[in-house]
Amino acid sequence: MNFGASPWKNVIDDNFFKNDPMLYKILMKKKETYDYIVMDTIQGATKFVYTFTEKDLEYSRLCKCFEEYLYNDKIRDFLNVEYDKTNYLSFEIVKVEPDYCYPIHIDHERKKCTAVVYLYPQESSGTVLYDSNEEYSRTSKWKQKRVFMFTNNSEETYHSYHNDTKTYRYTLNAFLLDADTRFVTN
């Protein structure tokens, strides 16, 4: 596990599914069959999102995987995130077409903590990080199953992402939300 501070605090672990490797296989097998909605289209390339609900068989398993990080004292202290059962966990598969480029942004304030898990393809571009002046700082290297995690507790967590491949780019996005902020994420 890597604890980074540049340009802002983040945690990277190379296998989000280490305690449930079958879950990764299930997500990969079903990635084409989820009932995606079109979230947006930017310069001709489209972003599709499937948001898991408690009715999905994968939901409780995703919760267990994410909670392993949220209950880790070292991670909670480093990222300054509080987690208890009054919070709500939200999960989505994001599928973006080749050449899709989401602009520099800070996640919505209702997202207390964000985890992006790189799913598919084997090689792609990771999360691009920017400093508080929105100047490029570095890119989190893409590696399948790798989780890139950060809190949204400052005005400095500028980031973006894009698909520089010739195929769809899939990520699993996990969010820690206050219990009263259930919503379809964007």
Foldseek 3Di string as FASTA:
>chain_A
DDFDQVVHTKDKDQALCPVPVVLLVVCVVCVVPAPWDWPDADPRKTKTKHKDDPPDPCVVVNVVSVVVQQVPPVNCVRQVDHDDPQKDKIKMKMKIAAFDKFDKDQFDPQFFKKKKAWADDQAWWAKFFAFLVRHTTGTDGDGHNMIMMHGRPDSTGIIIDHGNDNGITIIMMMTIGRNPDDDDGD
